Structures are given as C-alpha cells and as structure tokens.
Amino acid sequence: MPASQLTGALERERQAPSVLSAVAGRYGKATDAAGLVEIARQARLLIVRTISGAGLGHVGGDLSVTDILTTLYFGVLNVDPARPLMPERDRFILSKGHCAAAFYTALALRGFFAPSELASFMKPLSPLNGHPNRRKIPGVEANTGPLGHGLPIAVGTAIGARLAGASWRTFVVLGDGELQEGSNWEAAMAAGHRGLAGLTAIVDRNRFQQGAPTETTNRLEPLADKFRAFGWEAIDVDGHDVGALYGALSTRGTERPRVLIARTNKGRGVSFMEDTVDWHHKVPNAEQVEIALKELAK
C-alpha cells in the first residue's frame, strides 16, 4: 500500500474503527515471559531493518526501550487494535518521541497496522514520521518529540481519568536525558501532590543522551530519591527483564504515582552498539546491519 493510501486508511480508522480491524499484527497478548522475550527479539530485528531502510532513526534508544514497550503492549496495556479509541483503554505516551521506530514496531506487531508498512518509515508523505503523530497513526495518544512534554501530558491525562471516575491507567516512557528538562519536575510535583495512583512513568535509564553520558552532561543520580522526594513510589528494575517489568507494571499504585527506573543498555543486543554514545542516531551500513541481524537472531 503506498504511503498516501495508508494515510487515508488510518484517517478513516479514526472515524470508523472497522477499517483496520482485519489487519492483524503477528502477536496478541503474551501469556508468559518466554513469549515476551520472543516478541522483543522479533521487534529488534524489525527495528534494525526499519532504520536501515529509512537511512534515519535513533537505533540505540530504540533497542534500549524495546523490552519496556513489549511488556507494555503485549502484557500490560488494556488496548484493542480493532478499537483504538475505545473509551476504557489504557493511555500510553512515548515522551522520548525520537524513538518512534520502536513504538511503531510495537504497534504494528500488536495489530494497529500491518507490519509491512514499517517499510515506509520516514519516507515522503508516510504517516510513520520521525516522531509519532496522533492524527496519523491509530494507537498514538499524543504527538511527542520536543523533550520534556510527555510527562506533563500524562499527568493531565491521569487527572482526566480521576475527574471522569474512570478506571483506565496512564503510562509514559521517558528518556533519562530528557529529565534534565524542568517541565518534568513541575509535572512530577503536581502528580505527587495529587496522589495520582493511576499514573506510571518508566524511565529508560540507558545512561546516554546525544553526545555524552547523562552523568557527564548533567548528573541525575540519585534519581529514584528525587522522585520519592516529589511524592512518588520509585522502583529500580532491570529494564531488559520482562518478568520484572511485568511484575512492576501490572499493578497500579495505591495512593501515589509510580515510577520505574528501568536500567537499560543503549543499543541492546548488538555488540558494537551497546553502551556507545555514537549510536544515539547513527545509522548502520550494510555490513553492520548484517552483523546486527545475525546477533539479534540468536
């Protein structure tokens, strides 16, 4: 399907959810940790192919956040690809919007649109922009890209759920580098003050941002204690352990918002990318893609 036709189909889906209901992703909800691990492996393969095909992207952060997105979309979130706007759905916001390739891959594998459409990523007129756009892609709740905006949006969304007396939850994934934006701490203070137990934030703590380690640029630690000081429940977790992620994400807080400090590796799964700042937005060449795919296929 050409990008222009896909755009039309996705816009029609906003108005009539049945349009894409027959477009099934490869996977539904996973029933165990092994299932989540396999989905994450397939997602990483797709991410590398998608970014290689586009010649653009943020592969390091995409690979670090994959297990988090997989656990959310295939284990935790109450969402329905056939009804992306159902009122009772959980809300998910990707604050680190530059990692759109990982987000689109999760949506595609979950069935929000055909995985084959990932080939249009970043192409002219494609709805799969470098940053997610809620008007173009089913399953996207908020346009993100300017860092520091996702958590404030999520706080407002969680307040909206409380005002409506609704039971759905709000989740937001943040990059650790973007926590240097003051808007996050204003939002954190507001969420703690209001005791927004329906709000869960996950920090992709891969320790690198564009150009340098986070602790060299502007030290974040002790990060968990900072959130606790603002009235949050803070949990330190291995961001690549899907079982631990599921355990921390599957229940809501009781009286406070919850944050997971998810310790991850930039470029997870690819030996020459892992924990290397160069791969924040570097694109692998053909030889590197071949090596990466072999390593990820194991």
Foldseek 3Di string as FASTA:
>chain_A
DDQQVLQVLQLVCVVPLQSQLVQAAQDAADDDQVVLLVLLLVLLLLLLVLCQLQVWAFSQVLNFQSSVLSLCRRPAWDADLSNLVPPQTAAEAEQQQLSLSSVVSSCCNNRVHPSVLSSCQCPPSHCNDSGHDCSRGRNHDDTHHPHLPRLLVQLVVLVVCVVVVHDHAYEYEHEPLSVVDPSNVVSLLVQQVQQSQRYEYEYSPQQEDQPGGSCVVPRCPVPQVSSVVSREAEAEEAQNRSVRSNVVRNDTGDRGYYYYHHHTWGNPQQVVGTNDNVSRMRRDDPVSSVSSSVRSVD
